[in-house]
Amino acid sequence: MANVQTEDPTVRRPRPGEAAQIAALLLSALGDKYRPALGGNAEGPLTRLIAQEVRTGARYLVVADDLGVVGTVHLSTADEDGGGTGALARELGVLRTLRAIAAWSLIEPRRLEADLASVDELAVAPRGRRRGVGRALLRACEREARALGKRRLMLLVVWENEPALALYRSEGFSVARRRRFRLARLVFGSRGADLMVKPVGADVGAQAAR
């Protein structure tokens, strides 16, 4: 059996050679989000896009075991380099990129506020579940957001994902807004999603350390 730590999985930055594993994990765990937007043949372009993002400093984090990447997350902020759309177009082509942007706009916030960091694409392989991998990645995002001077950590979770909702509640996230999907339900097959937020500012971190 693969050796995954159960109490404190090690979270680290990914290596460029792990991009294919990250892409495969995202497409497997979050296929309901990715495949309607990117189409069925997205693994190759997505791998190259992630490899480029890892090289240029995008905020991906991973947990790995003896078999490879077992969990991954991406943290985004309003002050990131805005070249992601161009990179996506180079990998997927203009038409597929426009389709992806139009599809994702149905479910995701259009703009991040300056004091926010957003937990995107948190995915854990089946062999890493119930072993603290998702929780470790989430807490690493919180530390990263605090180090960047952000005051709030945000995420979007569909109502059908009960395990994720339970995890986020247990980590102190609360529902800021509920969104019932209409057109998005036809595309992604979900009834709606909760926008959840957690305060993570320096003052919050200082209080937690007392």
C-alpha atoms as a PDB file:
ATOM      1  CA  MET A   1       0.000   0.000   0.000  1.00  0.00           C
ATOM      2  CA  ALA A   2       1.209   3.518  -0.751  1.00  0.00           C
ATOM      3  CA  ASN A   3       2.698   5.354   2.186  1.00  0.00           C
ATOM      4  CA  VAL A   4       0.475   8.369   2.909  1.00  0.00           C
ATOM      5  CA  GLN A   5       0.922  10.015   6.293  1.00  0.00           C
ATOM      6  CA  THR A   6      -2.345  10.056   8.181  1.00  0.00           C
ATOM      7  CA  GLU A   7      -1.718  12.847  10.694  1.00  0.00           C
ATOM      8  CA  ASP A   8       0.330  15.485   8.914  1.00  0.00           C
ATOM      9  CA  PRO A   9       0.797  14.928   5.180  1.00  0.00           C
ATOM     10  CA  THR A  10       3.653  16.955   3.743  1.00  0.00           C
ATOM     11  CA  VAL A  11       2.479  19.765   1.480  1.00  0.00           C
ATOM     12  CA  ARG A  12       4.967  21.156  -1.024  1.00  0.00           C
ATOM     13  CA  ARG A  13       5.293  22.932  -4.341  1.00  0.00           C
ATOM     14  CA  PRO A  14       4.963  20.640  -7.359  1.00  0.00           C
ATOM     15  CA  ARG A  15       7.848  19.780  -9.612  1.00  0.00           C
ATOM     16  CA  PRO A  16       7.493  20.466 -13.370  1.00  0.00           C
ATOM     17  CA  GLY A  17       7.620  16.731 -14.058  1.00  0.00           C
ATOM     18  CA  GLU A  18       4.468  16.232 -11.947  1.00  0.00           C
ATOM     19  CA  ALA A  19       2.234  18.301 -14.231  1.00  0.00           C
ATOM     20  CA  ALA A  20       0.793  15.220 -15.947  1.00  0.00           C
ATOM     21  CA  GLN A  21      -0.147  13.701 -12.589  1.00  0.00           C
ATOM     22  CA  ILE A  22      -1.808  16.927 -11.486  1.00  0.00           C
ATOM     23  CA  ALA A  23      -3.781  17.189 -14.734  1.00  0.00           C
ATOM     24  CA  ALA A  24      -4.908  13.566 -14.539  1.00  0.00           C
ATOM     25  CA  LEU A  25      -5.995  14.002 -10.913  1.00  0.00           C
ATOM     26  CA  LEU A  26      -7.942  17.195 -11.685  1.00  0.00           C
ATOM     27  CA  LEU A  27      -9.723  15.603 -14.626  1.00  0.00           C
ATOM     28  CA  SER A  28     -10.524  12.507 -12.576  1.00  0.00           C
ATOM     29  CA  ALA A  29     -11.687  14.194  -9.360  1.00  0.00           C
ATOM     30  CA  LEU A  30     -13.246  17.300 -10.915  1.00  0.00           C
ATOM     31  CA  GLY A  31     -14.403  15.939 -14.244  1.00  0.00           C
ATOM     32  CA  ASP A  32     -17.880  17.460 -13.790  1.00  0.00           C
ATOM     33  CA  LYS A  33     -16.230  20.891 -13.848  1.00  0.00           C
ATOM     34  CA  TYR A  34     -13.528  20.338 -16.446  1.00  0.00           C
ATOM     35  CA  ARG A  35     -14.966  18.124 -19.147  1.00  0.00           C
ATOM     36  CA  PRO A  36     -18.018  20.261 -20.022  1.00  0.00           C
ATOM     37  CA  ALA A  37     -15.679  23.254 -20.379  1.00  0.00           C
ATOM     38  CA  LEU A  38     -12.568  21.702 -21.939  1.00  0.00           C
ATOM     39  CA  GLY A  39     -14.013  18.745 -23.807  1.00  0.00           C
ATOM     40  CA  GLY A  40     -13.053  15.099 -23.642  1.00  0.00           C
ATOM     41  CA  ASN A  41      -9.517  15.429 -25.012  1.00  0.00           C
ATOM     42  CA  ALA A  42      -8.065  17.956 -22.564  1.00  0.00           C
ATOM     43  CA  GLU A  43      -5.428  16.009 -20.627  1.00  0.00           C
ATOM     44  CA  GLY A  44      -2.500  16.792 -22.941  1.00  0.00           C
ATOM     45  CA  PRO A  45      -3.140  20.534 -23.248  1.00  0.00           C
ATOM     46  CA  LEU A  46      -3.986  20.788 -19.551  1.00  0.00           C
ATOM     47  CA  THR A  47      -0.725  19.028 -18.656  1.00  0.00           C
ATOM     48  CA  ARG A  48       1.301  21.486 -20.730  1.00  0.00           C
ATOM     49  CA  LEU A  49      -0.593  24.439 -19.268  1.00  0.00           C
ATOM     50  CA  ILE A  50       0.021  23.287 -15.685  1.00  0.00           C
ATOM     51  CA  ALA A  51       3.704  22.638 -16.435  1.00  0.00           C
ATOM     52  CA  GLN A  52       4.016  26.194 -17.712  1.00  0.00           C
ATOM     53  CA  GLU A  53       2.192  27.598 -14.685  1.00  0.00           C
ATOM     54  CA  VAL A  54       4.401  25.631 -12.295  1.00  0.00           C
ATOM     55  CA  ARG A  55       7.517  26.966 -14.023  1.00  0.00           C
ATOM     56  CA  THR A  56       6.269  30.545 -13.825  1.00  0.00           C
ATOM     57  CA  GLY A  57       5.309  30.410 -10.157  1.00  0.00           C
ATOM     58  CA  ALA A  58       1.566  29.736 -10.076  1.00  0.00           C
ATOM     59  CA  ARG A  59       0.452  28.803  -6.577  1.00  0.00           C
ATOM     60  CA  TYR A  60      -0.082  25.069  -6.929  1.00  0.00           C
ATOM     61  CA  LEU A  61       0.466  22.824  -3.911  1.00  0.00           C
ATOM     62  CA  VAL A  62       0.616  19.035  -3.787  1.00  0.00           C
ATOM     63  CA  VAL A  63       0.804  16.072  -1.444  1.00  0.00           C
ATOM     64  CA  ALA A  64       2.589  13.018  -2.833  1.00  0.00           C
ATOM     65  CA  ASP A  65       2.994   9.405  -1.767  1.00  0.00           C
ATOM     66  CA  ASP A  66       5.042   6.508  -3.110  1.00  0.00           C
ATOM     67  CA  LEU A  67       2.834   6.345  -6.207  1.00  0.00           C
ATOM     68  CA  GLY A  68       2.961  10.054  -7.027  1.00  0.00           C
ATOM     69  CA  VAL A  69       0.694  13.064  -6.532  1.00  0.00           C
ATOM     70  CA  VAL A  70      -2.240  12.137  -4.304  1.00  0.00           C
ATOM     71  CA  GLY A  71      -3.680  15.607  -3.725  1.00  0.00           C
ATOM     72  CA  THR A  72      -3.427  19.049  -5.293  1.00  0.00           C
ATOM     73  CA  VAL A  73      -4.834  22.539  -4.932  1.00  0.00           C
ATOM     74  CA  HIS A  74      -4.443  25.891  -6.659  1.00  0.00           C
ATOM     75  CA  LEU A  75      -4.643  29.201  -4.805  1.00  0.00           C
ATOM     76  CA  SER A  76      -5.527  32.288  -6.822  1.00  0.00           C
ATOM     77  CA  THR A  77      -5.540  35.987  -5.965  1.00  0.00           C
ATOM     78  CA  ALA A  78      -6.579  39.232  -7.642  1.00  0.00           C
ATOM     79  CA  ASP A  79      -2.949  40.337  -8.002  1.00  0.00           C
ATOM     80  CA  GLU A  80      -1.804  37.310  -9.990  1.00  0.00           C
ATOM     81  CA  ASP A  81      -0.357  37.608 -13.449  1.00  0.00           C
ATOM     82  CA  GLY A  82      -3.386  37.813 -15.729  1.00  0.00           C
ATOM     83  CA  GLY A  83      -1.861  35.827 -18.599  1.00  0.00           C
ATOM     84  CA  GLY A  84      -3.784  32.649 -17.901  1.00  0.00           C
ATOM     85  CA  THR A  85      -6.332  33.177 -20.674  1.00  0.00           C
ATOM     86  CA  GLY A  86      -3.636  33.624 -23.296  1.00  0.00           C
ATOM     87  CA  ALA A  87      -1.791  30.524 -22.117  1.00  0.00           C
ATOM     88  CA  LEU A  88      -5.025  28.525 -22.181  1.00  0.00           C
ATOM     89  CA  ALA A  89      -5.724  29.716 -25.730  1.00  0.00           C
ATOM     90  CA  ARG A  90      -2.260  28.639 -26.869  1.00  0.00           C
ATOM     91  CA  GLU A  91      -2.833  25.159 -25.502  1.00  0.00           C
ATOM     92  CA  LEU A  92      -6.508  24.589 -26.282  1.00  0.00           C
ATOM     93  CA  GLY A  93      -7.127  26.940 -29.175  1.00  0.00           C
ATOM     94  CA  VAL A  94      -9.286  30.047 -29.224  1.00  0.00           C
ATOM     95  CA  LEU A  95     -12.657  28.357 -29.689  1.00  0.00           C
ATOM     96  CA  ARG A  96     -12.170  25.815 -26.891  1.00  0.00           C
ATOM     97  CA  THR A  97     -10.851  28.565 -24.617  1.00  0.00           C
ATOM     98  CA  LEU A  98     -13.879  30.764 -25.281  1.00  0.00           C
ATOM     99  CA  ARG A  99     -16.139  27.781 -24.585  1.00  0.00           C
ATOM    100  CA  ALA A 100     -14.323  27.099 -21.312  1.00  0.00           C
ATOM    101  CA  ILE A 101     -14.531  30.724 -20.178  1.00  0.00           C
ATOM    102  CA  ALA A 102     -18.227  30.917 -21.037  1.00  0.00           C
ATOM    103  CA  ALA A 103     -18.955  27.674 -19.177  1.00  0.00           C
ATOM    104  CA  TRP A 104     -16.966  28.575 -16.060  1.00  0.00           C
ATOM    105  CA  SER A 105     -18.528  32.045 -15.923  1.00  0.00           C
ATOM    106  CA  LEU A 106     -21.838  30.318 -15.168  1.00  0.00           C
ATOM    107  CA  ILE A 107     -20.574  29.051 -11.823  1.00  0.00           C
ATOM    108  CA  GLU A 108     -17.514  31.031 -10.728  1.00  0.00           C
ATOM    109  CA  PRO A 109     -17.163  34.587  -9.364  1.00  0.00           C
ATOM    110  CA  ARG A 110     -16.080  36.994 -12.072  1.00  0.00           C
ATOM    111  CA  ARG A 111     -13.510  38.916 -10.029  1.00  0.00           C
ATOM    112  CA  LEU A 112     -11.619  38.478  -6.792  1.00  0.00           C
ATOM    113  CA  GLU A 113     -11.521  41.358  -4.331  1.00  0.00           C
ATOM    114  CA  ALA A 114      -8.089  42.569  -3.267  1.00  0.00           C
ATOM    115  CA  ASP A 115      -8.280  41.089   0.242  1.00  0.00           C
ATOM    116  CA  LEU A 116      -9.405  37.646  -0.988  1.00  0.00           C
ATOM    117  CA  ALA A 117      -7.565  34.488  -1.898  1.00  0.00           C
ATOM    118  CA  SER A 118      -9.519  31.714  -3.592  1.00  0.00           C
ATOM    119  CA  VAL A 119      -9.085  27.972  -3.115  1.00  0.00           C
ATOM    120  CA  ASP A 120      -9.447  26.499  -6.594  1.00  0.00           C
ATOM    121  CA  GLU A 121      -9.270  22.960  -7.854  1.00  0.00           C
ATOM    122  CA  LEU A 122      -8.815  21.079  -4.569  1.00  0.00           C
ATOM    123  CA  ALA A 123      -8.622  17.432  -5.616  1.00  0.00           C
ATOM    124  CA  VAL A 124      -7.660  14.273  -3.728  1.00  0.00           C
ATOM    125  CA  ALA A 125      -7.209  10.830  -5.262  1.00  0.00           C
ATOM    126  CA  PRO A 126      -9.314   7.986  -3.771  1.00  0.00           C
ATOM    127  CA  ARG A 127      -6.261   6.477  -2.064  1.00  0.00           C
ATOM    128  CA  GLY A 128      -5.643   9.780  -0.230  1.00  0.00           C
ATOM    129  CA  ARG A 129      -9.126  10.301   1.143  1.00  0.00           C
ATOM    130  CA  ARG A 130      -9.789  10.066   4.879  1.00  0.00           C
ATOM    131  CA  ARG A 131      -6.043  10.423   5.469  1.00  0.00           C
ATOM    132  CA  GLY A 132      -5.882  14.174   6.044  1.00  0.00           C
ATOM    133  CA  VAL A 133      -4.658  15.096   2.566  1.00  0.00           C
ATOM    134  CA  GLY A 134      -7.472  17.528   1.737  1.00  0.00           C
ATOM    135  CA  ARG A 135      -7.303  19.115   5.183  1.00  0.00           C
ATOM    136  CA  ALA A 136      -3.531  19.565   4.924  1.00  0.00           C
ATOM    137  CA  LEU A 137      -3.863  21.250   1.515  1.00  0.00           C
ATOM    138  CA  LEU A 138      -6.619  23.525   2.814  1.00  0.00           C
ATOM    139  CA  ARG A 139      -4.556  24.601   5.817  1.00  0.00           C
ATOM    140  CA  ALA A 140      -1.559  25.234   3.580  1.00  0.00           C
ATOM    141  CA  CYS A 141      -3.729  27.552   1.476  1.00  0.00           C
ATOM    142  CA  GLU A 142      -4.707  29.404   4.633  1.00  0.00           C
ATOM    143  CA  ARG A 143      -1.064  29.901   5.611  1.00  0.00           C
ATOM    144  CA  GLU A 144      -0.204  31.044   2.092  1.00  0.00           C
ATOM    145  CA  ALA A 145      -3.099  33.505   1.990  1.00  0.00           C
ATOM    146  CA  ARG A 146      -2.070  34.970   5.335  1.00  0.00           C
ATOM    147  CA  ALA A 147       1.538  35.315   4.164  1.00  0.00           C
ATOM    148  CA  LEU A 148       0.289  37.199   1.096  1.00  0.00           C
ATOM    149  CA  GLY A 149      -1.543  39.652   3.345  1.00  0.00           C
ATOM    150  CA  LYS A 150      -5.039  38.444   2.431  1.00  0.00           C
ATOM    151  CA  ARG A 151      -7.798  38.739   5.007  1.00  0.00           C
ATOM    152  CA  ARG A 152     -10.253  36.164   3.676  1.00  0.00           C
ATOM    153  CA  LEU A 153     -10.068  32.748   2.043  1.00  0.00           C
ATOM    154  CA  MET A 154     -12.880  31.838  -0.332  1.00  0.00           C
ATOM    155  CA  LEU A 155     -14.044  28.695  -2.090  1.00  0.00           C
ATOM    156  CA  LEU A 156     -17.025  27.471  -4.088  1.00  0.00           C
ATOM    157  CA  VAL A 157     -18.457  24.017  -3.440  1.00  0.00           C
ATOM    158  CA  VAL A 158     -21.441  22.376  -5.135  1.00  0.00           C
ATOM    159  CA  TRP A 159     -24.274  21.171  -2.925  1.00  0.00           C
ATOM    160  CA  GLU A 160     -23.857  17.556  -4.002  1.00  0.00           C
ATOM    161  CA  ASN A 161     -20.313  17.379  -2.597  1.00  0.00           C
ATOM    162  CA  GLU A 162     -21.236  16.548   0.997  1.00  0.00           C
ATOM    163  CA  PRO A 163     -17.753  15.350   2.092  1.00  0.00           C
ATOM    164  CA  ALA A 164     -16.200  18.636   0.946  1.00  0.00           C
ATOM    165  CA  LEU A 165     -18.935  20.692   2.625  1.00  0.00           C
ATOM    166  CA  ALA A 166     -18.307  18.842   5.890  1.00  0.00           C
ATOM    167  CA  LEU A 167     -14.545  19.411   5.636  1.00  0.00           C
ATOM    168  CA  TYR A 168     -14.903  23.121   4.960  1.00  0.00           C
ATOM    169  CA  ARG A 169     -17.346  23.620   7.807  1.00  0.00           C
ATOM    170  CA  SER A 170     -15.013  21.797  10.188  1.00  0.00           C
ATOM    171  CA  GLU A 171     -12.173  24.123   9.115  1.00  0.00           C
ATOM    172  CA  GLY A 172     -14.149  27.254   9.974  1.00  0.00           C
ATOM    173  CA  PHE A 173     -15.636  28.218   6.602  1.00  0.00           C
ATOM    174  CA  SER A 174     -19.149  29.634   6.608  1.00  0.00           C
ATOM    175  CA  VAL A 175     -21.614  30.218   3.800  1.00  0.00           C
ATOM    176  CA  ALA A 176     -21.474  33.776   2.474  1.00  0.00           C
ATOM    177  CA  ARG A 177     -23.842  33.225  -0.422  1.00  0.00           C
ATOM    178  CA  ARG A 178     -25.885  30.402  -1.926  1.00  0.00           C
ATOM    179  CA  ARG A 179     -26.245  30.136  -5.702  1.00  0.00           C
ATOM    180  CA  ARG A 180     -28.951  28.058  -7.328  1.00  0.00           C
ATOM    181  CA  PHE A 181     -27.860  27.057 -10.814  1.00  0.00           C
ATOM    182  CA  ARG A 182     -30.217  27.336 -13.753  1.00  0.00           C
ATOM    183  CA  LEU A 183     -28.335  27.270 -17.039  1.00  0.00           C
ATOM    184  CA  ALA A 184     -25.272  25.946 -15.225  1.00  0.00           C
ATOM    185  CA  ARG A 185     -27.314  22.968 -14.075  1.00  0.00           C
ATOM    186  CA  LEU A 186     -27.768  21.914 -17.684  1.00  0.00           C
ATOM    187  CA  VAL A 187     -24.021  22.202 -18.329  1.00  0.00           C
ATOM    188  CA  PHE A 188     -22.518  20.858 -15.106  1.00  0.00           C
ATOM    189  CA  GLY A 189     -25.328  18.745 -13.655  1.00  0.00           C
ATOM    190  CA  SER A 190     -25.348  20.475 -10.268  1.00  0.00           C
ATOM    191  CA  ARG A 191     -28.313  22.110  -8.522  1.00  0.00           C
ATOM    192  CA  GLY A 192     -26.209  24.908  -7.052  1.00  0.00           C
ATOM    193  CA  ALA A 193     -23.227  25.830  -4.922  1.00  0.00           C
ATOM    194  CA  ASP A 194     -22.261  27.578  -1.701  1.00  0.00           C
ATOM    195  CA  LEU A 195     -19.724  30.386  -1.713  1.00  0.00           C
ATOM    196  CA  MET A 196     -17.877  29.858   1.572  1.00  0.00           C
ATOM    197  CA  VAL A 197     -15.490  32.257   3.281  1.00  0.00           C
ATOM    198  CA  LYS A 198     -13.098  32.087   6.217  1.00  0.00           C
ATOM    199  CA  PRO A 199     -11.250  35.026   7.858  1.00  0.00           C
ATOM    200  CA  VAL A 200      -7.484  34.427   7.680  1.00  0.00           C
ATOM    201  CA  GLY A 201      -5.965  37.865   8.308  1.00  0.00           C
ATOM    202  CA  ALA A 202      -2.879  38.369  10.420  1.00  0.00           C
ATOM    203  CA  ASP A 203      -5.005  39.356  13.419  1.00  0.00           C
ATOM    204  CA  VAL A 204      -6.950  36.070  13.134  1.00  0.00           C
ATOM    205  CA  GLY A 205      -3.731  34.074  12.943  1.00  0.00           C
ATOM    206  CA  ALA A 206      -2.343  35.859  16.008  1.00  0.00           C
ATOM    207  CA  GLN A 207      -5.465  35.092  18.012  1.00  0.00           C
ATOM    208  CA  ALA A 208      -5.359  31.407  16.988  1.00  0.00           C
ATOM    209  CA  ALA A 209      -1.747  31.143  18.148  1.00  0.00           C
ATOM    210  CA  ARG A 210      -2.585  32.357  21.676  1.00  0.00           C
END
